[in-house]
C-alpha atoms as a PDB file:
ATOM      1  CA  UNK A   1       2.435 -18.961  -5.328  1.00  0.00           C
ATOM      2  CA  UNK A   2       5.607 -17.644  -3.707  1.00  0.00           C
ATOM      3  CA  UNK A   3       8.220 -15.661  -5.630  1.00  0.00           C
ATOM      4  CA  UNK A   4      11.230 -13.463  -5.051  1.00  0.00           C
ATOM      5  CA  UNK A   5      10.968  -9.686  -5.406  1.00  0.00           C
ATOM      6  CA  UNK A   6      13.080  -9.758  -8.586  1.00  0.00           C
ATOM      7  CA  UNK A   7      10.486 -11.974 -10.240  1.00  0.00           C
ATOM      8  CA  UNK A   8       7.768  -9.513  -9.201  1.00  0.00           C
ATOM      9  CA  UNK A   9       9.632  -6.884 -11.225  1.00  0.00           C
ATOM     10  CA  UNK A  10       9.432  -9.217 -14.220  1.00  0.00           C
ATOM     11  CA  UNK A  11       5.666  -9.491 -13.681  1.00  0.00           C
ATOM     12  CA  UNK A  12       5.452  -5.697 -13.646  1.00  0.00           C
ATOM     13  CA  UNK A  13       7.433  -5.481 -16.884  1.00  0.00           C
ATOM     14  CA  UNK A  14       5.242  -8.155 -18.480  1.00  0.00           C
ATOM     15  CA  UNK A  15       2.202  -6.051 -17.509  1.00  0.00           C
ATOM     16  CA  UNK A  16       3.740  -3.039 -19.258  1.00  0.00           C
ATOM     17  CA  UNK A  17       4.790  -1.231 -16.069  1.00  0.00           C
ATOM     18  CA  UNK A  18       8.364  -0.133 -15.477  1.00  0.00           C
ATOM     19  CA  UNK A  19       9.593  -1.032 -11.972  1.00  0.00           C
ATOM     20  CA  UNK A  20      10.971   2.564 -11.843  1.00  0.00           C
ATOM     21  CA  UNK A  21       7.358   3.766 -11.669  1.00  0.00           C
ATOM     22  CA  UNK A  22       6.324   1.526  -8.763  1.00  0.00           C
ATOM     23  CA  UNK A  23       6.519   1.771  -4.986  1.00  0.00           C
ATOM     24  CA  UNK A  24       5.948  -1.400  -3.006  1.00  0.00           C
ATOM     25  CA  UNK A  25       3.995  -0.962   0.237  1.00  0.00           C
ATOM     26  CA  UNK A  26       3.847  -3.708   2.859  1.00  0.00           C
ATOM     27  CA  UNK A  27       0.973  -2.918   5.208  1.00  0.00           C
ATOM     28  CA  UNK A  28       1.456  -4.350   8.690  1.00  0.00           C
ATOM     29  CA  UNK A  29       0.461  -1.695  11.239  1.00  0.00           C
ATOM     30  CA  UNK A  30       2.380  -2.354  14.436  1.00  0.00           C
ATOM     31  CA  UNK A  31       0.508   0.156  16.607  1.00  0.00           C
ATOM     32  CA  UNK A  32      -2.887  -1.002  15.373  1.00  0.00           C
ATOM     33  CA  UNK A  33      -3.054  -4.744  16.063  1.00  0.00           C
ATOM     34  CA  UNK A  34      -6.837  -4.825  15.697  1.00  0.00           C
ATOM     35  CA  UNK A  35      -6.628  -3.252  12.245  1.00  0.00           C
ATOM     36  CA  UNK A  36      -3.644  -5.437  11.308  1.00  0.00           C
ATOM     37  CA  UNK A  37      -5.718  -8.565  11.935  1.00  0.00           C
ATOM     38  CA  UNK A  38      -8.437  -7.252   9.633  1.00  0.00           C
ATOM     39  CA  UNK A  39      -6.360  -5.995   6.682  1.00  0.00           C
ATOM     40  CA  UNK A  40      -6.580  -9.185   4.630  1.00  0.00           C
ATOM     41  CA  UNK A  41     -10.349  -9.313   5.148  1.00  0.00           C
ATOM     42  CA  UNK A  42     -10.690  -5.621   4.285  1.00  0.00           C
ATOM     43  CA  UNK A  43      -8.641  -6.061   1.093  1.00  0.00           C
ATOM     44  CA  UNK A  44     -10.852  -8.971   0.070  1.00  0.00           C
ATOM     45  CA  UNK A  45     -14.300  -7.907   1.263  1.00  0.00           C
ATOM     46  CA  UNK A  46     -14.119  -4.111   1.541  1.00  0.00           C
ATOM     47  CA  UNK A  47     -11.482  -2.981  -0.957  1.00  0.00           C
ATOM     48  CA  UNK A  48     -12.546   0.675  -0.779  1.00  0.00           C
ATOM     49  CA  UNK A  49     -11.927   0.637   2.992  1.00  0.00           C
ATOM     50  CA  UNK A  50      -8.540  -1.051   2.541  1.00  0.00           C
ATOM     51  CA  UNK A  51      -7.690   1.575  -0.063  1.00  0.00           C
ATOM     52  CA  UNK A  52      -8.663   4.372   2.352  1.00  0.00           C
ATOM     53  CA  UNK A  53      -6.121   2.950   4.796  1.00  0.00           C
ATOM     54  CA  UNK A  54      -3.305   3.372   2.281  1.00  0.00           C
ATOM     55  CA  UNK A  55      -4.395   6.732   0.858  1.00  0.00           C
ATOM     56  CA  UNK A  56      -2.551   8.599   3.621  1.00  0.00           C
ATOM     57  CA  UNK A  57       1.022   7.883   4.640  1.00  0.00           C
ATOM     58  CA  UNK A  58       3.677   9.137   7.019  1.00  0.00           C
ATOM     59  CA  UNK A  59       5.894  11.993   5.833  1.00  0.00           C
ATOM     60  CA  UNK A  60       8.662   9.810   4.396  1.00  0.00           C
ATOM     61  CA  UNK A  61       6.370   7.598   2.326  1.00  0.00           C
ATOM     62  CA  UNK A  62       4.170  10.558   1.414  1.00  0.00           C
ATOM     63  CA  UNK A  63       7.198  12.221  -0.222  1.00  0.00           C
ATOM     64  CA  UNK A  64       8.051   9.028  -2.093  1.00  0.00           C
ATOM     65  CA  UNK A  65       4.475   8.657  -3.343  1.00  0.00           C
ATOM     66  CA  UNK A  66       4.170  12.329  -4.251  1.00  0.00           C
ATOM     67  CA  UNK A  67       7.133  11.975  -6.628  1.00  0.00           C
ATOM     68  CA  UNK A  68       5.224   9.237  -8.458  1.00  0.00           C
ATOM     69  CA  UNK A  69       1.896  11.059  -8.426  1.00  0.00           C
ATOM     70  CA  UNK A  70      -0.035  11.072 -11.712  1.00  0.00           C
ATOM     71  CA  UNK A  71       2.347   8.696 -13.521  1.00  0.00           C
ATOM     72  CA  UNK A  72       3.254   6.058 -10.954  1.00  0.00           C
ATOM     73  CA  UNK A  73       1.855   3.070  -9.132  1.00  0.00           C
ATOM     74  CA  UNK A  74       1.711   1.513  -5.714  1.00  0.00           C
ATOM     75  CA  UNK A  75       1.958  -2.265  -5.484  1.00  0.00           C
ATOM     76  CA  UNK A  76       0.169  -3.079  -2.238  1.00  0.00           C
ATOM     77  CA  UNK A  77       0.986  -6.000  -0.004  1.00  0.00           C
ATOM     78  CA  UNK A  78      -0.054  -7.112   3.457  1.00  0.00           C
ATOM     79  CA  UNK A  79       2.466  -8.447   5.935  1.00  0.00           C
ATOM     80  CA  UNK A  80       1.933 -12.196   5.662  1.00  0.00           C
ATOM     81  CA  UNK A  81       4.548 -13.688   7.950  1.00  0.00           C
ATOM     82  CA  UNK A  82       8.123 -12.841   8.781  1.00  0.00           C
ATOM     83  CA  UNK A  83       9.961 -11.906   5.593  1.00  0.00           C
ATOM     84  CA  UNK A  84       6.920 -12.337   3.331  1.00  0.00           C
ATOM     85  CA  UNK A  85       4.126 -10.190   1.928  1.00  0.00           C
ATOM     86  CA  UNK A  86       0.769 -11.074   0.338  1.00  0.00           C
ATOM     87  CA  UNK A  87      -0.139  -9.234  -2.867  1.00  0.00           C
ATOM     88  CA  UNK A  88      -3.291  -7.092  -2.832  1.00  0.00           C
ATOM     89  CA  UNK A  89      -3.077  -5.176  -6.092  1.00  0.00           C
ATOM     90  CA  UNK A  90      -1.501  -2.461  -8.176  1.00  0.00           C
ATOM     91  CA  UNK A  91      -2.953   1.007  -7.712  1.00  0.00           C
ATOM     92  CA  UNK A  92      -2.447   3.947 -10.059  1.00  0.00           C
ATOM     93  CA  UNK A  93      -1.544   7.188  -8.298  1.00  0.00           C
ATOM     94  CA  UNK A  94      -3.869   9.683  -9.991  1.00  0.00           C
ATOM     95  CA  UNK A  95      -3.092  12.771  -7.933  1.00  0.00           C
ATOM     96  CA  UNK A  96      -3.308  14.195  -4.441  1.00  0.00           C
ATOM     97  CA  UNK A  97      -5.524  16.327  -2.256  1.00  0.00           C
ATOM     98  CA  UNK A  98      -4.207  18.345   0.668  1.00  0.00           C
ATOM     99  CA  UNK A  99      -6.183  17.713   3.866  1.00  0.00           C
ATOM    100  CA  UNK A 100      -6.009  18.356   7.572  1.00  0.00           C
ATOM    101  CA  UNK A 101      -5.826  14.922   9.263  1.00  0.00           C
ATOM    102  CA  UNK A 102      -9.327  15.184  10.771  1.00  0.00           C
ATOM    103  CA  UNK A 103     -10.735  15.985   7.306  1.00  0.00           C
ATOM    104  CA  UNK A 104      -9.954  12.382   6.363  1.00  0.00           C
ATOM    105  CA  UNK A 105     -13.001  11.458   8.428  1.00  0.00           C
ATOM    106  CA  UNK A 106     -15.150  13.192   5.810  1.00  0.00           C
ATOM    107  CA  UNK A 107     -14.176  10.411   3.411  1.00  0.00           C
ATOM    108  CA  UNK A 108     -16.767   7.649   3.981  1.00  0.00           C
ATOM    109  CA  UNK A 109     -14.335   4.756   3.405  1.00  0.00           C
ATOM    110  CA  UNK A 110     -11.756   6.294   5.743  1.00  0.00           C
ATOM    111  CA  UNK A 111     -14.392   6.836   8.418  1.00  0.00           C
ATOM    112  CA  UNK A 112     -15.396   3.191   8.095  1.00  0.00           C
ATOM    113  CA  UNK A 113     -11.750   2.111   8.266  1.00  0.00           C
ATOM    114  CA  UNK A 114     -11.364   3.996  11.539  1.00  0.00           C
ATOM    115  CA  UNK A 115     -14.026   1.696  13.034  1.00  0.00           C
ATOM    116  CA  UNK A 116     -11.548  -1.167  12.733  1.00  0.00           C
ATOM    117  CA  UNK A 117      -8.768   0.740  14.529  1.00  0.00           C
ATOM    118  CA  UNK A 118      -8.106   0.794  18.254  1.00  0.00           C
ATOM    119  CA  UNK A 119      -7.954   4.589  18.336  1.00  0.00           C
ATOM    120  CA  UNK A 120      -8.732   7.413  15.940  1.00  0.00           C
ATOM    121  CA  UNK A 121      -5.760   7.466  13.589  1.00  0.00           C
ATOM    122  CA  UNK A 122      -6.737  10.872  12.170  1.00  0.00           C
ATOM    123  CA  UNK A 123      -6.746  12.401  15.656  1.00  0.00           C
ATOM    124  CA  UNK A 124      -3.333  10.840  16.380  1.00  0.00           C
ATOM    125  CA  UNK A 125      -1.752  12.521  13.329  1.00  0.00           C
ATOM    126  CA  UNK A 126      -0.019  15.700  14.500  1.00  0.00           C
ATOM    127  CA  UNK A 127       0.623  17.177  11.057  1.00  0.00           C
ATOM    128  CA  UNK A 128      -1.169  20.355  10.054  1.00  0.00           C
ATOM    129  CA  UNK A 129      -1.776  18.953   6.556  1.00  0.00           C
ATOM    130  CA  UNK A 130      -1.213  15.669   4.779  1.00  0.00           C
ATOM    131  CA  UNK A 131      -1.704  14.404   1.272  1.00  0.00           C
ATOM    132  CA  UNK A 132      -4.658  12.187   0.413  1.00  0.00           C
ATOM    133  CA  UNK A 133      -3.637  10.097  -2.581  1.00  0.00           C
ATOM    134  CA  UNK A 134      -6.191   9.352  -5.275  1.00  0.00           C
ATOM    135  CA  UNK A 135      -5.419   5.656  -5.749  1.00  0.00           C
ATOM    136  CA  UNK A 136      -7.369   3.514  -8.182  1.00  0.00           C
ATOM    137  CA  UNK A 137      -7.017  -0.238  -8.384  1.00  0.00           C
ATOM    138  CA  UNK A 138      -5.745  -1.256 -11.801  1.00  0.00           C
ATOM    139  CA  UNK A 139      -6.321  -4.518 -13.617  1.00  0.00           C
ATOM    140  CA  UNK A 140      -2.567  -5.205 -13.793  1.00  0.00           C
ATOM    141  CA  UNK A 141      -1.779  -8.563 -12.161  1.00  0.00           C
ATOM    142  CA  UNK A 142      -5.321  -8.706 -10.702  1.00  0.00           C
ATOM    143  CA  UNK A 143      -5.521 -12.498 -11.103  1.00  0.00           C
ATOM    144  CA  UNK A 144      -2.778 -12.803  -8.450  1.00  0.00           C
ATOM    145  CA  UNK A 145      -4.623 -10.868  -5.737  1.00  0.00           C
ATOM    146  CA  UNK A 146      -4.532 -12.845  -2.507  1.00  0.00           C
ATOM    147  CA  UNK A 147      -2.501 -15.645  -4.148  1.00  0.00           C
ATOM    148  CA  UNK A 148       0.940 -14.175  -4.713  1.00  0.00           C
ATOM    149  CA  UNK A 149       3.455 -13.991  -1.870  1.00  0.00           C
ATOM    150  CA  UNK A 150       6.806 -12.274  -2.296  1.00  0.00           C
ATOM    151  CA  UNK A 151       9.874 -12.308  -0.118  1.00  0.00           C
ATOM    152  CA  UNK A 152      10.181  -9.127   1.911  1.00  0.00           C
ATOM    153  CA  UNK A 153      13.530  -8.881   3.655  1.00  0.00           C
ATOM    154  CA  UNK A 154      13.728  -6.316   6.446  1.00  0.00           C
ATOM    155  CA  UNK A 155      10.540  -6.123   8.468  1.00  0.00           C
ATOM    156  CA  UNK A 156      11.094  -2.455   9.365  1.00  0.00           C
ATOM    157  CA  UNK A 157      11.149  -1.226   5.770  1.00  0.00           C
ATOM    158  CA  UNK A 158       7.508  -1.232   4.742  1.00  0.00           C
ATOM    159  CA  UNK A 159       7.962   0.896   1.638  1.00  0.00           C
ATOM    160  CA  UNK A 160      10.543   0.559  -1.099  1.00  0.00           C
ATOM    161  CA  UNK A 161      11.079   1.287  -4.759  1.00  0.00           C
ATOM    162  CA  UNK A 162      10.424  -1.720  -6.991  1.00  0.00           C
ATOM    163  CA  UNK A 163      13.564  -0.914  -8.968  1.00  0.00           C
ATOM    164  CA  UNK A 164      15.536  -1.563  -5.745  1.00  0.00           C
ATOM    165  CA  UNK A 165      14.396  -5.181  -5.549  1.00  0.00           C
ATOM    166  CA  UNK A 166      17.230  -7.639  -5.189  1.00  0.00           C
ATOM    167  CA  UNK A 167      18.480  -8.702  -8.585  1.00  0.00           C
ATOM    168  CA  UNK A 168      19.723 -12.111  -7.511  1.00  0.00           C
ATOM    169  CA  UNK A 169      18.501 -15.358  -9.024  1.00  0.00           C
ATOM    170  CA  UNK A 170      14.785 -16.190  -8.681  1.00  0.00           C
END
């Protein structure tokens, strides 16, 4: 099923979630082609490992997620093809933990995720500390996992606020 982003906001509202409380993430790692090829499989077969991938973010997205911590959500997608994204699920942001990048490797799912990467992502992170987001998969829209594709204009923007979705006709 393919829909426009505006319609996804309607699905959020129908599920009792305000689009103001949701960040949309489109996972399509450009520097990690090996991991990129495996994301759909990880989301389907090893959801805890997929989740570990998204529990740390770059500074810009980290700040966006931190503002929604404890009361917000992340709607996760995987880059499907140009201008489209495949729905993985809606994750509640339950809080954060401050970690040094290499401490991520103490998280079993993150350590397993690193096996699918070309190089150690934790070692490549030059920050002194980062936030590890406590994300839990919610039941909201779970029947659409792996079936729903939304339009995603602008390949470079891989994070956006749901409330910013285009409000044109579906």
